Amino acid sequence: MIATSARAQLTSEPAPGTLPAGQSVLVDDGTCGPGKIKKVTGGSDTNMTTGQAIKGGSGRKRTCIKKP
């Protein structure tokens, strides 16, 4: 599991199964353009223990926001 705080800034998205549902991290990988950063919120489609897909779960949410 990774440190899960909206203040954490990563250069790439966490691996599948490492971002708990509802937790967010900021990813500065250049996909959102100048002055913006990607906010990634964990979904419920991957088992945190096994890394296996869960039927009917929701995937990660990605949004571009203004850099803090």
C-alpha atoms as a PDB file:
ATOM      1  CA  MET A   1       0.000   0.000   0.000  1.00  0.00           C
ATOM      2  CA  ILE A   2       1.164   3.559  -0.660  1.00  0.00           C
ATOM      3  CA  ALA A   3       0.916   6.759   1.336  1.00  0.00           C
ATOM      4  CA  THR A   4      -2.542   8.011   0.444  1.00  0.00           C
ATOM      5  CA  SER A   5      -2.945  11.712   0.822  1.00  0.00           C
ATOM      6  CA  ALA A   6      -4.141  14.315  -1.643  1.00  0.00           C
ATOM      7  CA  ARG A   7      -0.903  16.128  -0.734  1.00  0.00           C
ATOM      8  CA  ALA A   8       1.264  13.224  -1.960  1.00  0.00           C
ATOM      9  CA  GLN A   9       2.603  14.031  -5.425  1.00  0.00           C
ATOM     10  CA  LEU A  10       3.749  11.154  -7.586  1.00  0.00           C
ATOM     11  CA  THR A  11       5.242  11.098 -11.092  1.00  0.00           C
ATOM     12  CA  SER A  12       3.134   8.099 -12.173  1.00  0.00           C
ATOM     13  CA  GLU A  13      -0.067   6.390 -11.040  1.00  0.00           C
ATOM     14  CA  PRO A  14       0.212   3.793  -8.282  1.00  0.00           C
ATOM     15  CA  ALA A  15       0.132   0.148  -9.362  1.00  0.00           C
ATOM     16  CA  PRO A  16      -3.272  -1.587  -9.460  1.00  0.00           C
ATOM     17  CA  GLY A  17      -4.398  -2.754  -6.028  1.00  0.00           C
ATOM     18  CA  THR A  18      -2.258  -0.256  -4.104  1.00  0.00           C
ATOM     19  CA  LEU A  19      -4.599   2.748  -3.856  1.00  0.00           C
ATOM     20  CA  PRO A  20      -7.470   2.082  -1.423  1.00  0.00           C
ATOM     21  CA  ALA A  21     -11.022   2.936  -2.468  1.00  0.00           C
ATOM     22  CA  GLY A  22     -11.810   6.590  -1.806  1.00  0.00           C
ATOM     23  CA  GLN A  23      -8.190   7.606  -1.171  1.00  0.00           C
ATOM     24  CA  SER A  24      -6.576  10.181  -3.481  1.00  0.00           C
ATOM     25  CA  VAL A  25      -3.094  11.053  -4.693  1.00  0.00           C
ATOM     26  CA  LEU A  26      -1.848  13.765  -7.023  1.00  0.00           C
ATOM     27  CA  VAL A  27       0.035  12.565 -10.100  1.00  0.00           C
ATOM     28  CA  ASP A  28       2.219  15.054 -11.959  1.00  0.00           C
ATOM     29  CA  ASP A  29       2.838  13.052 -15.143  1.00  0.00           C
ATOM     30  CA  GLY A  30       2.196  15.866 -17.626  1.00  0.00           C
ATOM     31  CA  THR A  31      -1.155  14.556 -18.891  1.00  0.00           C
ATOM     32  CA  CYS A  32      -3.171  17.548 -17.645  1.00  0.00           C
ATOM     33  CA  GLY A  33      -1.171  20.384 -19.194  1.00  0.00           C
ATOM     34  CA  PRO A  34       0.456  23.494 -17.736  1.00  0.00           C
ATOM     35  CA  GLY A  35      -0.694  24.575 -14.269  1.00  0.00           C
ATOM     36  CA  LYS A  36      -2.762  21.439 -13.693  1.00  0.00           C
ATOM     37  CA  ILE A  37      -2.204  18.088 -12.000  1.00  0.00           C
ATOM     38  CA  LYS A  38      -4.087  14.790 -12.136  1.00  0.00           C
ATOM     39  CA  LYS A  39      -6.016  13.738  -9.013  1.00  0.00           C
ATOM     40  CA  VAL A  40      -6.460   9.957  -8.903  1.00  0.00           C
ATOM     41  CA  THR A  41      -9.019   8.463  -6.501  1.00  0.00           C
ATOM     42  CA  GLY A  42      -8.965   4.741  -5.774  1.00  0.00           C
ATOM     43  CA  GLY A  43     -11.890   2.608  -6.879  1.00  0.00           C
ATOM     44  CA  SER A  44     -13.295  -0.664  -5.611  1.00  0.00           C
ATOM     45  CA  ASP A  45     -12.544  -2.883  -8.601  1.00  0.00           C
ATOM     46  CA  THR A  46      -9.355  -4.511  -7.268  1.00  0.00           C
ATOM     47  CA  ASN A  47      -8.908  -6.629  -4.136  1.00  0.00           C
ATOM     48  CA  MET A  48      -6.268  -4.874  -1.990  1.00  0.00           C
ATOM     49  CA  THR A  49      -4.947  -8.200  -0.667  1.00  0.00           C
ATOM     50  CA  THR A  50      -4.789 -10.337  -3.812  1.00  0.00           C
ATOM     51  CA  GLY A  51      -4.701  -7.698  -6.582  1.00  0.00           C
ATOM     52  CA  GLN A  52      -7.471  -9.594  -8.377  1.00  0.00           C
ATOM     53  CA  ALA A  53     -10.311  -7.833 -10.196  1.00  0.00           C
ATOM     54  CA  ILE A  54     -13.666  -7.596  -8.409  1.00  0.00           C
ATOM     55  CA  LYS A  55     -16.815  -7.940 -10.532  1.00  0.00           C
ATOM     56  CA  GLY A  56     -19.153  -4.975 -10.240  1.00  0.00           C
ATOM     57  CA  GLY A  57     -16.582  -2.702  -8.592  1.00  0.00           C
ATOM     58  CA  SER A  58     -15.928   0.852  -9.718  1.00  0.00           C
ATOM     59  CA  GLY A  59     -12.639   1.858 -11.312  1.00  0.00           C
ATOM     60  CA  ARG A  60     -10.307   4.693 -10.410  1.00  0.00           C
ATOM     61  CA  LYS A  61     -11.455   8.241 -11.018  1.00  0.00           C
ATOM     62  CA  ARG A  62      -9.092  10.684 -12.681  1.00  0.00           C
ATOM     63  CA  THR A  63      -9.604  14.449 -12.773  1.00  0.00           C
ATOM     64  CA  CYS A  64      -7.395  17.346 -13.781  1.00  0.00           C
ATOM     65  CA  ILE A  65      -7.260  20.062 -11.125  1.00  0.00           C
ATOM     66  CA  LYS A  66      -5.323  23.302 -10.617  1.00  0.00           C
ATOM     67  CA  LYS A  67      -1.908  22.640  -9.066  1.00  0.00           C
ATOM     68  CA  PRO A  68      -1.920  23.403  -5.343  1.00  0.00           C
END
